[in-house]
Amino acid sequence: MADVDMNTGTRDITPPSASPSPSSYLQVRKEPQEHATKNDLDPAASTTPRLDPEDPEAFLATPFTRFDQMGIMTEFDNESTAAVEFEQEFSRRMADLMLELRVWAECRPIHERDTHSHQLIQELEAIEARENEQENARLALVKFVTSIRQALAALTHF
């Protein structure tokens, strides 16, 4: 049987013993753990040894690995918990948004009334200031007309 040294990539050819055990046919492949591999993501795959594809007897002698139901159940529970937490957070944020919108909608007419009243007061004050300017101009014009009349009357009496 030929064993492959994974570090060097060389084959070690040794004669099989008198009664080979099924585990002697297994060749476990060890990879450096620098990056996550597909086996790292699947817990059932990480415990499965790699078999020599040239030896069908080793494949037939290898017992099946047990199904890892706890890993799947744990993953399902974690996802279910995360989904519930997401729904709770989403519901809380929606309730906050609805309350803020309601407060804004209730305060808006009061704010608009106050803002509009300030604008009306400013416009009325501007109109009053223009009326005062026009009245002053009218009085100045009346005074001018009176002085012209007096001047004409004085010229005519001399």
Protein backbone atom coordinates (compact mmCIF):
# COMPACT_ATOMS: atom_id res chain seq x y z
CA MET A 1 0.00 0.00 0.00
CA ALA A 2 1.22 3.55 -0.77
CA ASP A 3 0.82 6.24 1.85
CA VAL A 4 1.11 9.87 0.74
CA ASP A 5 2.93 12.30 2.99
CA MET A 6 0.85 15.48 2.72
CA ASN A 7 3.66 17.77 3.82
CA THR A 8 6.15 16.64 1.17
CA GLY A 9 3.80 15.05 -1.41
CA THR A 10 5.89 11.86 -1.60
CA ARG A 11 4.62 8.30 -1.43
CA ASP A 12 5.83 5.84 1.16
CA ILE A 13 5.52 2.31 -0.21
CA THR A 14 5.32 -0.28 2.56
CA PRO A 15 4.15 -3.85 2.29
CA PRO A 16 0.77 -4.54 3.88
CA SER A 17 0.86 -6.34 7.22
CA ALA A 18 -0.44 -9.89 7.64
CA SER A 19 -3.88 -8.76 8.76
CA PRO A 20 -4.58 -5.21 7.71
CA SER A 21 -7.13 -3.34 9.74
CA PRO A 22 -9.72 -1.20 8.03
CA SER A 23 -8.20 1.89 9.61
CA SER A 24 -4.88 1.21 7.88
CA TYR A 25 -6.56 1.95 4.57
CA LEU A 26 -7.68 5.38 5.67
CA GLN A 27 -5.60 8.30 4.70
CA VAL A 28 -6.60 11.44 6.51
CA ARG A 29 -5.77 14.55 4.59
CA LYS A 30 -4.60 17.45 6.73
CA GLU A 31 -4.67 20.95 5.28
CA PRO A 32 -3.14 24.07 6.74
CA GLN A 33 -5.75 26.14 8.58
CA GLU A 34 -4.89 29.49 7.01
CA HIS A 35 -8.24 30.01 5.30
CA ALA A 36 -11.69 28.58 5.92
CA THR A 37 -12.36 25.66 3.63
CA LYS A 38 -15.59 23.96 2.67
CA ASN A 39 -14.90 21.35 5.36
CA ASP A 40 -14.60 24.08 8.00
CA LEU A 41 -18.11 25.21 7.21
CA ASP A 42 -19.66 21.74 7.33
CA PRO A 43 -19.04 19.96 10.67
CA ALA A 44 -20.01 16.55 9.28
CA ALA A 45 -17.52 16.87 6.42
CA SER A 46 -14.62 17.81 8.70
CA THR A 47 -14.82 14.48 10.56
CA THR A 48 -14.98 12.39 7.38
CA PRO A 49 -11.55 11.01 6.44
CA ARG A 50 -10.32 11.18 2.86
CA LEU A 51 -10.05 7.74 1.25
CA ASP A 52 -7.65 6.52 -1.36
CA PRO A 53 -9.67 6.47 -4.62
CA GLU A 54 -7.56 3.55 -5.92
CA ASP A 55 -8.63 1.15 -3.12
CA PRO A 56 -12.30 0.06 -3.31
CA GLU A 57 -11.85 -2.40 -0.41
CA ALA A 58 -10.92 0.46 1.89
CA PHE A 59 -14.03 2.32 0.79
CA LEU A 60 -16.25 -0.70 1.49
CA ALA A 61 -14.59 -1.35 4.86
CA THR A 62 -15.06 2.23 6.05
CA PRO A 63 -18.03 2.65 8.39
CA PHE A 64 -20.48 5.42 7.69
CA THR A 65 -20.17 8.54 9.79
CA ARG A 66 -23.09 9.40 11.99
CA PHE A 67 -25.49 12.09 10.91
CA ASP A 68 -24.85 15.25 12.92
CA GLN A 69 -28.40 16.26 13.79
CA MET A 70 -27.34 18.43 16.73
CA GLY A 71 -25.29 20.67 14.44
CA ILE A 72 -28.25 21.16 12.12
CA MET A 73 -30.65 21.69 15.03
CA THR A 74 -28.29 24.21 16.62
CA GLU A 75 -27.94 26.09 13.35
CA PHE A 76 -31.73 26.10 12.90
CA ASP A 77 -32.25 27.32 16.47
CA ASN A 78 -29.67 30.08 15.98
CA GLU A 79 -31.35 31.24 12.76
CA SER A 80 -34.79 31.10 14.39
CA THR A 81 -33.55 33.14 17.34
CA ALA A 82 -31.94 35.66 14.99
CA ALA A 83 -35.19 35.92 13.01
CA VAL A 84 -37.21 36.54 16.18
CA GLU A 85 -34.72 39.18 17.36
CA PHE A 86 -34.86 40.86 13.94
CA GLU A 87 -38.68 40.94 14.00
CA GLN A 88 -38.69 42.39 17.52
CA GLU A 89 -36.16 45.09 16.58
CA PHE A 90 -38.08 45.85 13.38
CA SER A 91 -41.38 46.11 15.31
CA ARG A 92 -39.78 48.41 17.89
CA ARG A 93 -38.39 50.70 15.20
CA MET A 94 -41.72 50.78 13.35
CA ALA A 95 -43.55 51.71 16.58
CA ASP A 96 -41.00 54.50 17.22
CA LEU A 97 -41.44 55.80 13.69
CA MET A 98 -45.24 55.75 13.98
CA LEU A 99 -45.12 57.62 17.30
CA GLU A 100 -42.73 60.23 15.91
CA LEU A 101 -44.96 60.69 12.85
CA ARG A 102 -48.04 61.11 15.05
CA VAL A 103 -46.31 63.66 17.30
CA TRP A 104 -45.11 65.55 14.23
CA ALA A 105 -48.60 65.48 12.68
CA GLU A 106 -50.19 66.75 15.90
CA CYS A 107 -47.61 69.48 16.44
CA ARG A 108 -47.53 70.61 12.83
CA PRO A 109 -50.79 72.65 12.87
CA ILE A 110 -49.71 74.43 16.07
CA HIS A 111 -46.30 75.21 14.58
CA GLU A 112 -47.82 76.35 11.28
CA ARG A 113 -50.33 78.54 13.13
CA ASP A 114 -47.54 80.16 15.12
CA THR A 115 -45.36 80.60 12.04
CA HIS A 116 -48.26 81.97 9.99
CA SER A 117 -49.28 84.39 12.74
CA HIS A 118 -45.71 85.74 12.90
CA GLN A 119 -45.70 86.19 9.12
CA LEU A 120 -49.07 87.98 9.22
CA ILE A 121 -47.89 90.29 12.00
CA GLN A 122 -44.75 91.15 10.02
CA GLU A 123 -46.78 91.84 6.85
CA LEU A 124 -49.27 94.00 8.78
CA GLU A 125 -46.41 95.98 10.33
CA ALA A 126 -44.88 96.47 6.88
CA ILE A 127 -48.25 97.68 5.51
CA GLU A 128 -48.65 100.07 8.47
CA ALA A 129 -45.15 101.44 7.90
CA ARG A 130 -45.97 102.09 4.20
CA GLU A 131 -49.25 103.79 5.15
CA ASN A 132 -47.36 106.04 7.57
CA GLU A 133 -44.85 106.93 4.82
CA GLN A 134 -47.70 107.68 2.41
CA GLU A 135 -49.48 109.83 5.04
CA ASN A 136 -46.27 111.76 5.69
CA ALA A 137 -45.80 112.24 1.95
CA ARG A 138 -49.44 113.41 1.61
CA LEU A 139 -49.02 115.88 4.48
CA ALA A 140 -45.79 117.17 2.91
CA LEU A 141 -47.62 117.57 -0.43
CA VAL A 142 -50.53 119.40 1.26
CA LYS A 143 -48.06 121.69 3.02
CA PHE A 144 -46.29 122.38 -0.30
CA VAL A 145 -49.58 123.12 -2.07
CA THR A 146 -50.61 125.46 0.79
CA SER A 147 -47.29 127.30 0.65
CA ILE A 148 -47.58 127.68 -3.15
CA ARG A 149 -51.11 129.06 -2.74
CA GLN A 150 -49.93 131.50 -0.12
CA ALA A 151 -47.04 132.55 -2.35
CA LEU A 152 -49.42 133.12 -5.30
CA ALA A 153 -51.84 135.02 -3.07
CA ALA A 154 -49.03 137.20 -1.79
CA LEU A 155 -47.85 137.97 -5.34
CA THR A 156 -51.33 138.88 -6.43
CA HIS A 157 -51.89 141.33 -3.51
CA PHE A 158 -48.83 143.40 -4.09
